[in-house]
Amino acid sequence: MLAMLRRSAYPFLTLLMINLPNFITIGRLLLVPFLIVMITQGRWLSAVICFLIAGVSDAVDGFIARRLSLRTELGAYIDPLADKALLMSIYVTLAVVGTLPGWLAITVVSRDVMIMVGVVVAWLIERPVAIKPLLVSKVNTAAQIGFAGLVLAANAFSFELGEARDWMMALIAVLTVASAGAYLLTWFAHMSESSS
């Protein structure tokens, strides 16, 4: 009986192992609506916990994919999508509830929308562009994540960020615009090469 159960469970376990990083990434994507609800309801500690779970899951799925050679094409698309969905949702929701200014959320979202539109346009005119994270983009993403986590924690544990908040928002804005500009230059260079 036990042997039969093992045999019947084996395909499922194999599928789970092959796609485990993707399942973790999808789970992170599914956390986004819960995080939005926690922020809108002012349940800041729950929002911090969701944020931490998302961060840990991002590290874990990447580690498993690299360590066990379980990288997939689907994973290459959904992992950054989950990251962007999480960040954009946090910034927009924090702006909606009045915790962050709307201009910062618009800046963060506009950059990501611009990149997505560029990728789609390149694909539509049959000149696909490979998205490779640039150094400024990595620094920008790290700063956005760190600041979002800090804002959530400040609300959850009732501490003030003071003037540092304004400086951090200015830094986020500068990095976001610099990252958008770098991607735009890369995109134009790619499109110029393709057309010549």
N, C-alpha and C. Protein backbone atom coordinates (compact mmCIF):
# COMPACT_ATOMS: atom_id res chain seq x y z
N MET A 1 0.83 -1.20 0.00
CA MET A 1 0.00 0.00 0.00
C MET A 1 0.88 1.27 0.00
N LEU A 2 1.89 1.27 0.86
CA LEU A 2 2.79 2.41 0.96
C LEU A 2 3.54 2.62 -0.35
N ALA A 3 3.96 1.52 -0.97
CA ALA A 3 4.68 1.62 -2.25
C ALA A 3 3.77 2.22 -3.32
N MET A 4 2.49 1.81 -3.30
CA MET A 4 1.54 2.35 -4.28
C MET A 4 1.34 3.86 -4.07
N LEU A 5 1.24 4.28 -2.81
CA LEU A 5 1.10 5.70 -2.51
C LEU A 5 2.32 6.48 -2.98
N ARG A 6 3.51 5.89 -2.76
CA ARG A 6 4.73 6.58 -3.20
C ARG A 6 4.74 6.75 -4.72
N ARG A 7 4.33 5.66 -5.42
CA ARG A 7 4.33 5.71 -6.89
C ARG A 7 3.32 6.74 -7.39
N SER A 8 2.14 6.80 -6.76
CA SER A 8 1.12 7.73 -7.23
C SER A 8 1.47 9.18 -6.87
N ALA A 9 2.19 9.37 -5.78
CA ALA A 9 2.58 10.71 -5.37
C ALA A 9 3.83 11.19 -6.10
N TYR A 10 4.61 10.26 -6.65
CA TYR A 10 5.89 10.61 -7.26
C TYR A 10 5.77 11.66 -8.37
N PRO A 11 4.82 11.50 -9.33
CA PRO A 11 4.73 12.54 -10.38
C PRO A 11 4.41 13.92 -9.81
N PHE A 12 3.53 13.96 -8.80
CA PHE A 12 3.19 15.25 -8.20
C PHE A 12 4.41 15.86 -7.51
N LEU A 13 5.14 15.02 -6.73
CA LEU A 13 6.32 15.52 -6.03
C LEU A 13 7.40 15.96 -7.01
N THR A 14 7.55 15.24 -8.11
CA THR A 14 8.52 15.62 -9.13
C THR A 14 8.14 16.96 -9.74
N LEU A 15 6.85 17.11 -10.08
CA LEU A 15 6.36 18.37 -10.63
C LEU A 15 6.58 19.51 -9.64
N LEU A 16 6.29 19.24 -8.36
CA LEU A 16 6.46 20.25 -7.33
C LEU A 16 7.92 20.66 -7.22
N MET A 17 8.83 19.70 -7.24
CA MET A 17 10.25 20.01 -7.12
C MET A 17 10.75 20.78 -8.34
N ILE A 18 10.33 20.37 -9.53
CA ILE A 18 10.78 21.03 -10.75
C ILE A 18 10.33 22.48 -10.76
N ASN A 19 9.15 22.72 -10.27
CA ASN A 19 8.57 24.06 -10.32
C ASN A 19 8.49 24.75 -8.96
N LEU A 20 9.19 24.21 -7.96
CA LEU A 20 9.09 24.77 -6.61
C LEU A 20 9.40 26.27 -6.58
N PRO A 21 10.47 26.75 -7.22
CA PRO A 21 10.70 28.20 -7.20
C PRO A 21 9.54 28.98 -7.82
N ASN A 22 8.94 28.42 -8.89
CA ASN A 22 7.80 29.11 -9.52
C ASN A 22 6.59 29.14 -8.59
N PHE A 23 6.35 28.05 -7.87
CA PHE A 23 5.23 28.02 -6.92
C PHE A 23 5.44 29.05 -5.82
N ILE A 24 6.68 29.17 -5.35
CA ILE A 24 6.98 30.16 -4.31
C ILE A 24 6.75 31.57 -4.86
N THR A 25 7.19 31.80 -6.10
CA THR A 25 7.01 33.11 -6.72
C THR A 25 5.53 33.44 -6.88
N ILE A 26 4.74 32.46 -7.31
CA ILE A 26 3.29 32.66 -7.46
C ILE A 26 2.67 32.97 -6.09
N GLY A 27 3.15 32.29 -5.06
CA GLY A 27 2.68 32.59 -3.70
C GLY A 27 2.97 34.02 -3.31
N ARG A 28 4.15 34.53 -3.70
CA ARG A 28 4.51 35.92 -3.42
C ARG A 28 3.57 36.87 -4.16
N LEU A 29 3.25 36.50 -5.38
CA LEU A 29 2.31 37.32 -6.18
C LEU A 29 0.93 37.35 -5.52
N LEU A 30 0.52 36.22 -4.95
CA LEU A 30 -0.78 36.14 -4.28
C LEU A 30 -0.81 36.90 -2.96
N LEU A 31 0.37 37.22 -2.41
CA LEU A 31 0.43 38.01 -1.17
C LEU A 31 0.06 39.48 -1.41
N VAL A 32 0.21 39.93 -2.66
CA VAL A 32 0.00 41.35 -2.97
C VAL A 32 -1.37 41.85 -2.53
N PRO A 33 -2.49 41.18 -2.90
CA PRO A 33 -3.79 41.70 -2.45
C PRO A 33 -3.93 41.74 -0.93
N PHE A 34 -3.35 40.74 -0.24
CA PHE A 34 -3.43 40.74 1.22
C PHE A 34 -2.67 41.93 1.80
N LEU A 35 -1.51 42.22 1.23
CA LEU A 35 -0.72 43.36 1.68
C LEU A 35 -1.47 44.68 1.47
N ILE A 36 -2.13 44.79 0.32
CA ILE A 36 -2.93 46.00 0.03
C ILE A 36 -4.04 46.16 1.07
N VAL A 37 -4.73 45.07 1.37
CA VAL A 37 -5.82 45.12 2.36
C VAL A 37 -5.28 45.50 3.73
N MET A 38 -4.13 44.91 4.13
CA MET A 38 -3.56 45.22 5.44
C MET A 38 -3.22 46.71 5.56
N ILE A 39 -2.66 47.29 4.49
CA ILE A 39 -2.30 48.71 4.52
C ILE A 39 -3.56 49.58 4.57
N THR A 40 -4.55 49.27 3.72
CA THR A 40 -5.76 50.11 3.68
C THR A 40 -6.55 50.04 4.99
N GLN A 41 -6.45 48.91 5.69
CA GLN A 41 -7.15 48.77 6.97
C GLN A 41 -6.31 49.27 8.15
N GLY A 42 -5.09 49.73 7.87
CA GLY A 42 -4.23 50.22 8.94
C GLY A 42 -3.70 49.12 9.83
N ARG A 43 -3.67 47.91 9.32
CA ARG A 43 -3.13 46.77 10.09
C ARG A 43 -1.64 46.66 9.75
N TRP A 44 -0.88 47.60 10.31
CA TRP A 44 0.51 47.79 9.91
C TRP A 44 1.42 46.62 10.27
N LEU A 45 1.22 46.00 11.43
CA LEU A 45 2.06 44.88 11.81
C LEU A 45 1.85 43.71 10.86
N SER A 46 0.59 43.45 10.50
CA SER A 46 0.29 42.40 9.52
C SER A 46 0.92 42.73 8.17
N ALA A 47 0.91 44.02 7.80
CA ALA A 47 1.53 44.44 6.54
C ALA A 47 3.03 44.19 6.57
N VAL A 48 3.66 44.48 7.71
CA VAL A 48 5.11 44.22 7.85
C VAL A 48 5.39 42.73 7.73
N ILE A 49 4.56 41.91 8.35
CA ILE A 49 4.75 40.45 8.28
C ILE A 49 4.61 39.97 6.84
N CYS A 50 3.58 40.43 6.13
CA CYS A 50 3.41 40.07 4.71
C CYS A 50 4.62 40.49 3.90
N PHE A 51 5.11 41.70 4.16
CA PHE A 51 6.27 42.24 3.46
C PHE A 51 7.50 41.38 3.71
N LEU A 52 7.71 40.98 4.95
CA LEU A 52 8.85 40.12 5.30
C LEU A 52 8.73 38.75 4.65
N ILE A 53 7.53 38.18 4.65
CA ILE A 53 7.31 36.88 4.00
C ILE A 53 7.64 36.98 2.52
N ALA A 54 7.19 38.06 1.89
CA ALA A 54 7.48 38.27 0.47
C ALA A 54 8.97 38.37 0.23
N GLY A 55 9.68 39.11 1.09
CA GLY A 55 11.13 39.25 0.95
C GLY A 55 11.86 37.94 1.11
N VAL A 56 11.47 37.17 2.12
CA VAL A 56 12.10 35.86 2.36
C VAL A 56 11.80 34.92 1.19
N SER A 57 10.56 34.93 0.71
CA SER A 57 10.20 34.03 -0.41
C SER A 57 10.99 34.39 -1.67
N ASP A 58 11.27 35.68 -1.87
CA ASP A 58 12.06 36.10 -3.03
C ASP A 58 13.47 35.54 -2.94
N ALA A 59 14.06 35.61 -1.74
CA ALA A 59 15.41 35.06 -1.55
C ALA A 59 15.41 33.54 -1.69
N VAL A 60 14.39 32.88 -1.13
CA VAL A 60 14.33 31.41 -1.15
C VAL A 60 14.12 30.88 -2.56
N ASP A 61 13.19 31.47 -3.33
CA ASP A 61 12.95 30.93 -4.68
C ASP A 61 14.18 31.11 -5.57
N GLY A 62 14.87 32.24 -5.40
CA GLY A 62 16.09 32.45 -6.18
C GLY A 62 17.18 31.47 -5.80
N PHE A 63 17.33 31.23 -4.49
CA PHE A 63 18.35 30.29 -4.01
C PHE A 63 18.08 28.88 -4.52
N ILE A 64 16.81 28.44 -4.40
CA ILE A 64 16.46 27.08 -4.85
C ILE A 64 16.67 26.94 -6.36
N ALA A 65 16.24 27.95 -7.12
CA ALA A 65 16.38 27.90 -8.57
C ALA A 65 17.85 27.79 -8.98
N ARG A 66 18.73 28.57 -8.31
CA ARG A 66 20.16 28.53 -8.65
C ARG A 66 20.83 27.27 -8.14
N ARG A 67 20.58 26.95 -6.89
CA ARG A 67 21.28 25.84 -6.23
C ARG A 67 20.91 24.49 -6.84
N LEU A 68 19.63 24.32 -7.17
CA LEU A 68 19.17 23.03 -7.70
C LEU A 68 18.99 23.06 -9.22
N SER A 69 19.48 24.11 -9.85
CA SER A 69 19.36 24.28 -11.31
C SER A 69 17.91 24.10 -11.78
N LEU A 70 17.01 24.79 -11.12
CA LEU A 70 15.59 24.70 -11.44
C LEU A 70 15.07 25.97 -12.11
N ARG A 71 15.94 26.68 -12.79
CA ARG A 71 15.51 27.89 -13.49
C ARG A 71 14.64 27.52 -14.68
N THR A 72 13.58 28.28 -14.86
CA THR A 72 12.69 28.02 -16.00
C THR A 72 12.41 29.35 -16.71
N GLU A 73 11.94 29.25 -17.93
CA GLU A 73 11.59 30.46 -18.68
C GLU A 73 10.44 31.19 -18.00
N LEU A 74 9.47 30.41 -17.50
CA LEU A 74 8.34 31.01 -16.77
C LEU A 74 8.85 31.77 -15.56
N GLY A 75 9.77 31.18 -14.82
CA GLY A 75 10.34 31.82 -13.64
C GLY A 75 11.04 33.12 -13.97
N ALA A 76 11.71 33.15 -15.12
CA ALA A 76 12.42 34.36 -15.54
C ALA A 76 11.45 35.51 -15.77
N TYR A 77 10.20 35.19 -16.12
CA TYR A 77 9.19 36.23 -16.34
C TYR A 77 8.43 36.58 -15.07
N ILE A 78 7.99 35.54 -14.31
CA ILE A 78 7.11 35.83 -13.18
C ILE A 78 7.85 36.35 -11.95
N ASP A 79 9.14 36.03 -11.81
CA ASP A 79 9.86 36.52 -10.63
C ASP A 79 9.95 38.05 -10.62
N PRO A 80 10.45 38.68 -11.70
CA PRO A 80 10.45 40.15 -11.69
C PRO A 80 9.04 40.75 -11.68
N LEU A 81 8.08 40.03 -12.30
CA LEU A 81 6.69 40.51 -12.30
C LEU A 81 6.16 40.56 -10.86
N ALA A 82 6.45 39.52 -10.08
CA ALA A 82 6.01 39.49 -8.69
C ALA A 82 6.66 40.62 -7.89
N ASP A 83 7.95 40.84 -8.13
CA ASP A 83 8.65 41.92 -7.43
C ASP A 83 8.04 43.28 -7.76
N LYS A 84 7.80 43.52 -9.04
CA LYS A 84 7.25 44.80 -9.48
C LYS A 84 5.83 44.98 -8.96
N ALA A 85 5.02 43.92 -9.02
CA ALA A 85 3.64 44.00 -8.53
C ALA A 85 3.63 44.36 -7.05
N LEU A 86 4.54 43.75 -6.30
CA LEU A 86 4.62 44.01 -4.86
C LEU A 86 5.02 45.46 -4.60
N LEU A 87 6.09 45.91 -5.23
CA LEU A 87 6.57 47.27 -4.99
C LEU A 87 5.58 48.33 -5.45
N MET A 88 5.06 48.17 -6.68
CA MET A 88 4.11 49.15 -7.18
C MET A 88 2.87 49.22 -6.29
N SER A 89 2.39 48.06 -5.86
CA SER A 89 1.20 48.01 -5.00
C SER A 89 1.44 48.71 -3.67
N ILE A 90 2.62 48.48 -3.09
CA ILE A 90 2.93 49.11 -1.80
C ILE A 90 2.96 50.64 -1.96
N TYR A 91 3.69 51.12 -2.96
CA TYR A 91 3.82 52.57 -3.13
C TYR A 91 2.47 53.23 -3.45
N VAL A 92 1.69 52.61 -4.33
CA VAL A 92 0.39 53.18 -4.68
C VAL A 92 -0.54 53.17 -3.47
N THR A 93 -0.58 52.06 -2.74
CA THR A 93 -1.47 51.96 -1.58
C THR A 93 -1.06 52.93 -0.48
N LEU A 94 0.25 53.04 -0.24
CA LEU A 94 0.72 54.00 0.77
C LEU A 94 0.37 55.43 0.38
N ALA A 95 0.38 55.71 -0.93
CA ALA A 95 -0.03 57.05 -1.39
C ALA A 95 -1.53 57.25 -1.22
N VAL A 96 -2.31 56.22 -1.53
CA VAL A 96 -3.77 56.31 -1.41
C VAL A 96 -4.19 56.58 0.03
N VAL A 97 -3.53 55.92 0.99
CA VAL A 97 -3.91 56.13 2.40
C VAL A 97 -3.25 57.38 3.00
N GLY A 98 -2.44 58.09 2.19
CA GLY A 98 -1.86 59.35 2.63
C GLY A 98 -0.55 59.24 3.39
N THR A 99 0.04 58.05 3.39
CA THR A 99 1.31 57.86 4.10
C THR A 99 2.49 58.35 3.28
N LEU A 100 2.39 58.24 1.97
CA LEU A 100 3.42 58.75 1.06
C LEU A 100 2.77 59.72 0.08
N PRO A 101 3.54 60.66 -0.45
CA PRO A 101 2.96 61.58 -1.44
C PRO A 101 2.70 60.88 -2.77
N GLY A 102 1.66 61.33 -3.44
CA GLY A 102 1.29 60.73 -4.72
C GLY A 102 2.38 60.82 -5.76
N TRP A 103 3.17 61.90 -5.77
CA TRP A 103 4.20 62.07 -6.80
C TRP A 103 5.24 60.95 -6.74
N LEU A 104 5.52 60.44 -5.52
CA LEU A 104 6.51 59.36 -5.39
C LEU A 104 5.97 58.06 -5.99
N ALA A 105 4.71 57.76 -5.68
CA ALA A 105 4.08 56.56 -6.25
C ALA A 105 4.02 56.65 -7.77
N ILE A 106 3.68 57.82 -8.29
CA ILE A 106 3.61 58.01 -9.75
C ILE A 106 4.98 57.81 -10.38
N THR A 107 6.03 58.32 -9.73
CA THR A 107 7.39 58.16 -10.24
C THR A 107 7.78 56.68 -10.31
N VAL A 108 7.52 55.96 -9.22
CA VAL A 108 7.88 54.53 -9.14
C VAL A 108 7.12 53.73 -10.19
N VAL A 109 5.81 53.96 -10.28
CA VAL A 109 4.98 53.20 -11.21
C VAL A 109 5.30 53.56 -12.66
N SER A 110 5.53 54.85 -12.94
CA SER A 110 5.79 55.28 -14.31
C SER A 110 7.03 54.61 -14.89
N ARG A 111 8.06 54.47 -14.08
CA ARG A 111 9.29 53.82 -14.55
C ARG A 111 8.99 52.39 -15.00
N ASP A 112 8.29 51.64 -14.16
CA ASP A 112 8.01 50.24 -14.49
C ASP A 112 7.08 50.11 -15.68
N VAL A 113 6.09 50.99 -15.77
CA VAL A 113 5.19 50.97 -16.93
C VAL A 113 5.95 51.30 -18.20
N MET A 114 6.86 52.28 -18.12
CA MET A 114 7.67 52.65 -19.28
C MET A 114 8.51 51.45 -19.77
N ILE A 115 9.11 50.74 -18.83
CA ILE A 115 9.92 49.57 -19.21
C ILE A 115 9.04 48.50 -19.85
N MET A 116 7.88 48.23 -19.26
CA MET A 116 6.98 47.21 -19.82
C MET A 116 6.50 47.60 -21.21
N VAL A 117 6.16 48.86 -21.40
CA VAL A 117 5.71 49.33 -22.72
C VAL A 117 6.84 49.17 -23.74
N GLY A 118 8.06 49.52 -23.35
CA GLY A 118 9.21 49.37 -24.23
C GLY A 118 9.43 47.93 -24.66
N VAL A 119 9.31 47.01 -23.72
CA VAL A 119 9.48 45.58 -24.03
C VAL A 119 8.38 45.11 -24.99
N VAL A 120 7.14 45.51 -24.73
CA VAL A 120 6.02 45.09 -25.57
C VAL A 120 6.15 45.67 -26.98
N VAL A 121 6.52 46.96 -27.07
CA VAL A 121 6.69 47.59 -28.39
C VAL A 121 7.78 46.89 -29.17
N ALA A 122 8.91 46.62 -28.53
CA ALA A 122 10.03 45.93 -29.20
C ALA A 122 9.59 44.55 -29.68
N TRP A 123 8.81 43.86 -28.86
CA TRP A 123 8.33 42.53 -29.24
C TRP A 123 7.33 42.61 -30.40
N LEU A 124 6.44 43.61 -30.37
CA LEU A 124 5.44 43.76 -31.42
C LEU A 124 6.06 44.06 -32.79
N ILE A 125 7.15 44.81 -32.78
CA ILE A 125 7.79 45.12 -34.07
C ILE A 125 8.93 44.14 -34.37
N GLU A 126 8.89 43.01 -33.66
CA GLU A 126 9.81 41.89 -33.87
C GLU A 126 11.28 42.28 -33.71
N ARG A 127 11.52 43.08 -32.70
CA ARG A 127 12.89 43.42 -32.30
C ARG A 127 13.00 43.25 -30.79
N PRO A 128 12.75 42.02 -30.29
CA PRO A 128 12.70 41.81 -28.84
C PRO A 128 14.00 42.24 -28.16
N VAL A 129 13.82 42.80 -27.00
CA VAL A 129 14.95 43.28 -26.21
C VAL A 129 15.06 42.44 -24.94
N ALA A 130 16.30 42.00 -24.65
CA ALA A 130 16.52 41.23 -23.43
C ALA A 130 16.62 42.20 -22.26
N ILE A 131 15.87 41.92 -21.21
CA ILE A 131 15.92 42.78 -20.03
C ILE A 131 17.02 42.27 -19.12
N LYS A 132 18.07 43.06 -19.03
CA LYS A 132 19.17 42.73 -18.13
C LYS A 132 19.23 43.82 -17.07
N PRO A 133 19.16 43.44 -15.79
CA PRO A 133 19.18 44.47 -14.74
C PRO A 133 20.49 45.26 -14.79
N LEU A 134 20.37 46.58 -14.82
CA LEU A 134 21.52 47.46 -14.79
C LEU A 134 21.88 47.75 -13.33
N LEU A 135 23.11 48.17 -13.09
CA LEU A 135 23.55 48.46 -11.73
C LEU A 135 22.66 49.51 -11.06
N VAL A 136 22.35 50.58 -11.79
CA VAL A 136 21.50 51.63 -11.22
C VAL A 136 20.12 51.09 -10.89
N SER A 137 19.66 50.13 -11.69
CA SER A 137 18.35 49.52 -11.44
C SER A 137 18.37 48.66 -10.18
N LYS A 138 19.46 47.92 -9.99
CA LYS A 138 19.58 47.09 -8.78
C LYS A 138 19.62 47.97 -7.52
N VAL A 139 20.39 49.05 -7.60
CA VAL A 139 20.47 49.98 -6.47
C VAL A 139 19.10 50.61 -6.22
N ASN A 140 18.41 51.00 -7.31
CA ASN A 140 17.09 51.60 -7.21
C ASN A 140 16.09 50.64 -6.55
N THR A 141 16.07 49.40 -7.00
CA THR A 141 15.15 48.41 -6.43
C THR A 141 15.44 48.18 -4.95
N ALA A 142 16.72 48.06 -4.60
CA ALA A 142 17.09 47.86 -3.19
C ALA A 142 16.64 49.06 -2.34
N ALA A 143 16.83 50.27 -2.87
CA ALA A 143 16.42 51.47 -2.13
C ALA A 143 14.90 51.52 -1.99
N GLN A 144 14.17 51.19 -3.05
CA GLN A 144 12.70 51.19 -2.98
C GLN A 144 12.19 50.18 -1.96
N ILE A 145 12.78 48.99 -1.97
CA ILE A 145 12.37 47.95 -1.02
C ILE A 145 12.68 48.39 0.41
N GLY A 146 13.91 48.88 0.62
CA GLY A 146 14.31 49.30 1.96
C GLY A 146 13.42 50.41 2.50
N PHE A 147 13.12 51.40 1.65
CA PHE A 147 12.28 52.52 2.09
C PHE A 147 10.85 52.06 2.37
N ALA A 148 10.31 51.20 1.51
CA ALA A 148 8.94 50.69 1.73
C ALA A 148 8.86 49.93 3.05
N GLY A 149 9.86 49.09 3.30
CA GLY A 149 9.89 48.34 4.55
C GLY A 149 10.00 49.26 5.76
N LEU A 150 10.81 50.31 5.63
CA LEU A 150 10.99 51.26 6.72
C LEU A 150 9.70 52.03 7.01
N VAL A 151 8.99 52.43 5.96
CA VAL A 151 7.72 53.16 6.14
C VAL A 151 6.68 52.26 6.81
N LEU A 152 6.61 51.01 6.36
CA LEU A 152 5.67 50.06 6.98
C LEU A 152 6.02 49.86 8.46
N ALA A 153 7.32 49.67 8.74
CA ALA A 153 7.76 49.45 10.12
C ALA A 153 7.51 50.68 10.99
N ALA A 154 7.73 51.88 10.43
CA ALA A 154 7.49 53.12 11.19
C ALA A 154 6.03 53.21 11.63
N ASN A 155 5.14 52.79 10.75
CA ASN A 155 3.71 52.79 11.10
C ASN A 155 3.36 51.68 12.08
N ALA A 156 3.98 50.52 11.90
CA ALA A 156 3.67 49.37 12.76
C ALA A 156 4.19 49.59 14.18
N PHE A 157 5.37 50.20 14.31
CA PHE A 157 6.01 50.32 15.63
C PHE A 157 6.02 51.76 16.15
N SER A 158 5.25 52.64 15.48
CA SER A 158 5.03 54.02 15.92
C SER A 158 6.32 54.79 16.19
N PHE A 159 7.18 54.86 15.18
CA PHE A 159 8.34 55.74 15.30
C PHE A 159 8.37 56.68 14.10
N GLU A 160 8.95 57.84 14.32
CA GLU A 160 9.00 58.88 13.29
C GLU A 160 10.30 58.78 12.50
N LEU A 161 10.19 59.03 11.20
CA LEU A 161 11.39 59.05 10.36
C LEU A 161 11.97 60.46 10.26
N GLY A 162 11.18 61.46 10.64
CA GLY A 162 11.65 62.83 10.65
C GLY A 162 12.09 63.33 9.28
N GLU A 163 13.12 64.16 9.28
CA GLU A 163 13.61 64.73 8.03
C GLU A 163 14.22 63.68 7.12
N ALA A 164 14.69 62.60 7.70
CA ALA A 164 15.30 61.52 6.91
C ALA A 164 14.31 60.99 5.86
N ARG A 165 13.03 61.05 6.20
CA ARG A 165 11.98 60.59 5.27
C ARG A 165 12.03 61.38 3.97
N ASP A 166 12.15 62.71 4.06
CA ASP A 166 12.20 63.55 2.87
C ASP A 166 13.45 63.27 2.04
N TRP A 167 14.58 63.10 2.73
CA TRP A 167 15.82 62.79 2.02
C TRP A 167 15.73 61.44 1.31
N MET A 168 15.13 60.46 2.00
CA MET A 168 15.00 59.13 1.39
C MET A 168 14.06 59.17 0.19
N MET A 169 12.97 59.93 0.29
CA MET A 169 12.05 60.05 -0.84
C MET A 169 12.75 60.71 -2.04
N ALA A 170 13.56 61.73 -1.75
CA ALA A 170 14.30 62.40 -2.83
C ALA A 170 15.28 61.42 -3.48
N LEU A 171 15.96 60.61 -2.66
CA LEU A 171 16.89 59.61 -3.19
C LEU A 171 16.17 58.59 -4.06
N ILE A 172 15.02 58.11 -3.59
CA ILE A 172 14.21 57.16 -4.36
C ILE A 172 13.83 57.78 -5.71
N ALA A 173 13.39 59.02 -5.69
CA ALA A 173 12.97 59.68 -6.93
C ALA A 173 14.14 59.81 -7.90
N VAL A 174 15.30 60.24 -7.40
CA VAL A 174 16.48 60.41 -8.27
C VAL A 174 16.91 59.07 -8.85
N LEU A 175 16.98 58.04 -8.02
CA LEU A 175 17.39 56.71 -8.50
C LEU A 175 16.39 56.15 -9.51
N THR A 176 15.10 56.37 -9.25
CA THR A 176 14.06 55.87 -10.15
C THR A 176 14.16 56.53 -11.52
N VAL A 177 14.33 57.86 -11.53
CA VAL A 177 14.45 58.60 -12.79
C VAL A 177 15.75 58.19 -13.51
N ALA A 178 16.84 58.04 -12.76
CA ALA A 178 18.12 57.62 -13.36
C ALA A 178 18.00 56.23 -13.97
N SER A 179 17.33 55.33 -13.27
CA SER A 179 17.13 53.97 -13.78
C SER A 179 16.27 53.98 -15.03
N ALA A 180 15.20 54.77 -15.03
CA ALA A 180 14.33 54.89 -16.21
C ALA A 180 15.13 55.42 -17.39
N GLY A 181 15.94 56.44 -17.14
CA GLY A 181 16.76 57.02 -18.20
C GLY A 181 17.76 56.02 -18.77
N ALA A 182 18.39 55.25 -17.88
CA ALA A 182 19.36 54.24 -18.32
C ALA A 182 18.70 53.18 -19.19
N TYR A 183 17.51 52.72 -18.77
CA TYR A 183 16.79 51.74 -19.58
C TYR A 183 16.35 52.33 -20.92
N LEU A 184 15.94 53.59 -20.90
CA LEU A 184 15.51 54.25 -22.13
C LEU A 184 16.68 54.35 -23.12
N LEU A 185 17.85 54.73 -22.64
CA LEU A 185 19.03 54.80 -23.50
C LEU A 185 19.39 53.43 -24.06
N THR A 186 19.32 52.41 -23.21
CA THR A 186 19.61 51.04 -23.65
C THR A 186 18.61 50.60 -24.71
N TRP A 187 17.34 50.94 -24.50
CA TRP A 187 16.28 50.56 -25.45
C TRP A 187 16.49 51.25 -26.80
N PHE A 188 16.78 52.55 -26.77
CA PHE A 188 17.02 53.28 -28.02
C PHE A 188 18.24 52.73 -28.75
N ALA A 189 19.29 52.39 -28.01
CA ALA A 189 20.50 51.82 -28.63
C ALA A 189 20.16 50.49 -29.29
N HIS A 190 19.36 49.66 -28.61
CA HIS A 190 18.96 48.37 -29.17
C HIS A 190 18.12 48.55 -30.43
N MET A 191 17.17 49.47 -30.38
CA MET A 191 16.30 49.69 -31.54
C MET A 191 17.09 50.26 -32.71
N SER A 192 18.09 51.09 -32.44
CA SER A 192 18.92 51.65 -33.52
C SER A 192 19.76 50.57 -34.18
N GLU A 193 20.32 49.67 -33.36
CA GLU A 193 21.11 48.55 -33.90
C GLU A 193 20.24 47.65 -34.75
N SER A 194 19.05 47.36 -34.27
CA SER A 194 18.14 46.45 -34.99
C SER A 194 17.72 47.00 -36.33
N SER A 195 17.56 48.32 -36.41
CA SER A 195 17.07 48.90 -37.65
C SER A 195 18.17 49.13 -38.68
N SER A 196 19.45 49.12 -38.20
CA SER A 196 20.55 49.37 -39.15
C SER A 196 21.08 48.09 -39.75
